[in-house]
Amino acid sequence: MALDKLNNKDLNQNFKVKGVWWIPSKEDKQEIAGELIYENGHITLELFGSFEEDIFI
């Protein structure tokens, strides 16, 4: 689980964590694989797929 991988990280080091991600407020949880990247004070989430288009409406 990605959360377990994040527990050993701090913001003084760069890291990458692969995991399964979703939008918590969405009733039908759609999971998408991706990688959370923390480098030099910037956070990026790269998803290997996409959520439904209407999820942001």
N, C-alpha and C. Protein backbone atom coordinates (compact mmCIF):
# COMPACT_ATOMS: atom_id res chain seq x y z
N MET A 1 0.84 -1.17 0.00
CA MET A 1 0.00 0.00 0.00
C MET A 1 0.88 1.24 0.00
N ALA A 2 0.50 2.25 -0.76
CA ALA A 2 1.30 3.47 -0.90
C ALA A 2 1.47 4.19 0.43
N LEU A 3 0.45 4.18 1.28
CA LEU A 3 0.55 4.88 2.56
C LEU A 3 1.67 4.30 3.41
N ASP A 4 1.83 2.99 3.41
CA ASP A 4 2.92 2.36 4.15
C ASP A 4 4.28 2.82 3.62
N LYS A 5 4.38 2.99 2.32
CA LYS A 5 5.63 3.43 1.70
C LYS A 5 5.93 4.88 2.06
N LEU A 6 4.89 5.69 2.27
CA LEU A 6 5.08 7.11 2.60
C LEU A 6 5.46 7.33 4.05
N ASN A 7 5.12 6.40 4.93
CA ASN A 7 5.39 6.58 6.36
C ASN A 7 6.87 6.76 6.67
N ASN A 8 7.75 6.21 5.88
CA ASN A 8 9.19 6.30 6.13
C ASN A 8 9.85 7.48 5.43
N LYS A 9 9.07 8.36 4.81
CA LYS A 9 9.62 9.48 4.05
C LYS A 9 9.48 10.77 4.83
N ASP A 10 10.38 11.71 4.56
CA ASP A 10 10.22 13.05 5.10
C ASP A 10 10.55 14.05 3.98
N LEU A 11 10.25 15.32 4.22
CA LEU A 11 10.39 16.33 3.17
C LEU A 11 11.80 16.89 3.08
N ASN A 12 12.75 16.23 3.73
CA ASN A 12 14.15 16.61 3.60
C ASN A 12 14.87 15.77 2.55
N GLN A 13 14.15 14.83 1.97
CA GLN A 13 14.74 13.97 0.94
C GLN A 13 13.78 13.83 -0.23
N ASN A 14 14.31 13.70 -1.42
CA ASN A 14 13.48 13.44 -2.60
C ASN A 14 13.07 11.97 -2.58
N PHE A 15 11.85 11.69 -3.10
CA PHE A 15 11.41 10.30 -3.16
C PHE A 15 10.35 10.11 -4.24
N LYS A 16 10.15 8.85 -4.62
CA LYS A 16 9.10 8.44 -5.55
C LYS A 16 8.39 7.25 -4.93
N VAL A 17 7.05 7.27 -4.98
CA VAL A 17 6.26 6.18 -4.42
C VAL A 17 5.22 5.75 -5.45
N LYS A 18 5.30 4.49 -5.87
CA LYS A 18 4.29 3.94 -6.77
C LYS A 18 3.14 3.40 -5.94
N GLY A 19 1.92 3.58 -6.43
CA GLY A 19 0.77 3.09 -5.69
C GLY A 19 -0.50 3.21 -6.50
N VAL A 20 -1.61 2.99 -5.84
CA VAL A 20 -2.94 3.11 -6.44
C VAL A 20 -3.60 4.33 -5.82
N TRP A 21 -4.15 5.22 -6.63
CA TRP A 21 -4.67 6.50 -6.19
C TRP A 21 -6.14 6.63 -6.58
N TRP A 22 -6.88 7.46 -5.85
CA TRP A 22 -8.29 7.70 -6.13
C TRP A 22 -8.71 9.03 -5.54
N ILE A 23 -9.88 9.51 -5.90
CA ILE A 23 -10.43 10.74 -5.35
C ILE A 23 -11.38 10.34 -4.22
N PRO A 24 -11.06 10.70 -2.98
CA PRO A 24 -11.84 10.24 -1.82
C PRO A 24 -13.31 10.66 -1.85
N SER A 25 -13.64 11.80 -2.42
CA SER A 25 -15.02 12.29 -2.39
C SER A 25 -15.91 11.60 -3.41
N LYS A 26 -15.35 10.85 -4.33
CA LYS A 26 -16.12 10.16 -5.36
C LYS A 26 -16.78 8.92 -4.77
N GLU A 27 -18.10 8.80 -4.94
CA GLU A 27 -18.85 7.69 -4.34
C GLU A 27 -18.41 6.33 -4.86
N ASP A 28 -18.28 6.19 -6.18
CA ASP A 28 -17.79 4.93 -6.75
C ASP A 28 -16.28 5.08 -6.99
N LYS A 29 -15.51 4.57 -6.04
CA LYS A 29 -14.07 4.75 -6.02
C LYS A 29 -13.43 4.12 -7.25
N GLN A 30 -12.89 4.97 -8.12
CA GLN A 30 -12.18 4.52 -9.30
C GLN A 30 -10.69 4.61 -9.03
N GLU A 31 -10.01 3.49 -8.97
CA GLU A 31 -8.59 3.45 -8.63
C GLU A 31 -7.74 3.48 -9.89
N ILE A 32 -6.64 4.25 -9.83
CA ILE A 32 -5.72 4.36 -10.96
C ILE A 32 -4.30 4.25 -10.42
N ALA A 33 -3.49 3.43 -11.07
CA ALA A 33 -2.09 3.31 -10.68
C ALA A 33 -1.34 4.59 -11.04
N GLY A 34 -0.34 4.90 -10.25
CA GLY A 34 0.44 6.09 -10.52
C GLY A 34 1.66 6.17 -9.61
N GLU A 35 2.37 7.28 -9.74
CA GLU A 35 3.58 7.48 -8.95
C GLU A 35 3.57 8.90 -8.38
N LEU A 36 3.74 9.00 -7.07
CA LEU A 36 3.86 10.28 -6.38
C LEU A 36 5.34 10.62 -6.30
N ILE A 37 5.69 11.80 -6.79
CA ILE A 37 7.09 12.20 -6.86
C ILE A 37 7.28 13.48 -6.04
N TYR A 38 8.25 13.46 -5.13
CA TYR A 38 8.61 14.64 -4.37
C TYR A 38 10.07 14.96 -4.69
N GLU A 39 10.29 16.11 -5.34
CA GLU A 39 11.65 16.52 -5.71
C GLU A 39 11.80 18.01 -5.48
N ASN A 40 12.78 18.37 -4.71
CA ASN A 40 13.15 19.76 -4.48
C ASN A 40 11.96 20.64 -4.09
N GLY A 41 11.12 20.13 -3.18
CA GLY A 41 10.00 20.91 -2.67
C GLY A 41 8.76 20.91 -3.54
N HIS A 42 8.76 20.14 -4.61
CA HIS A 42 7.60 20.07 -5.52
C HIS A 42 7.02 18.66 -5.51
N ILE A 43 5.70 18.57 -5.50
CA ILE A 43 5.02 17.28 -5.51
C ILE A 43 4.30 17.12 -6.84
N THR A 44 4.47 15.97 -7.47
CA THR A 44 3.81 15.63 -8.73
C THR A 44 3.19 14.25 -8.59
N LEU A 45 1.98 14.10 -9.11
CA LEU A 45 1.35 12.79 -9.18
C LEU A 45 1.17 12.43 -10.64
N GLU A 46 1.90 11.42 -11.10
CA GLU A 46 1.79 10.94 -12.47
C GLU A 46 0.88 9.72 -12.47
N LEU A 47 -0.23 9.80 -13.17
CA LEU A 47 -1.18 8.69 -13.23
C LEU A 47 -0.97 7.88 -14.49
N PHE A 48 -1.11 6.57 -14.39
CA PHE A 48 -0.98 5.67 -15.53
C PHE A 48 -2.37 5.31 -16.02
N GLY A 49 -3.10 6.32 -16.48
CA GLY A 49 -4.48 6.19 -16.92
C GLY A 49 -5.17 7.51 -16.64
N SER A 50 -6.51 7.50 -16.64
CA SER A 50 -7.22 8.74 -16.36
C SER A 50 -8.54 8.44 -15.66
N PHE A 51 -9.03 9.44 -14.93
CA PHE A 51 -10.34 9.34 -14.31
C PHE A 51 -11.39 9.67 -15.36
N GLU A 52 -12.64 9.33 -15.09
CA GLU A 52 -13.72 9.68 -16.00
C GLU A 52 -13.72 11.19 -16.20
N GLU A 53 -14.10 11.64 -17.39
CA GLU A 53 -14.08 13.07 -17.70
C GLU A 53 -15.01 13.88 -16.83
N ASP A 54 -16.17 13.34 -16.46
CA ASP A 54 -17.16 14.12 -15.72
C ASP A 54 -16.87 14.19 -14.22
N ILE A 55 -15.77 13.64 -13.77
CA ILE A 55 -15.47 13.63 -12.34
C ILE A 55 -15.17 15.03 -11.80
N PHE A 56 -14.76 15.94 -12.66
CA PHE A 56 -14.41 17.29 -12.22
C PHE A 56 -15.54 18.30 -12.42
N ILE A 57 -16.66 17.85 -12.91
CA ILE A 57 -17.82 18.75 -13.13
C ILE A 57 -18.59 18.93 -11.86
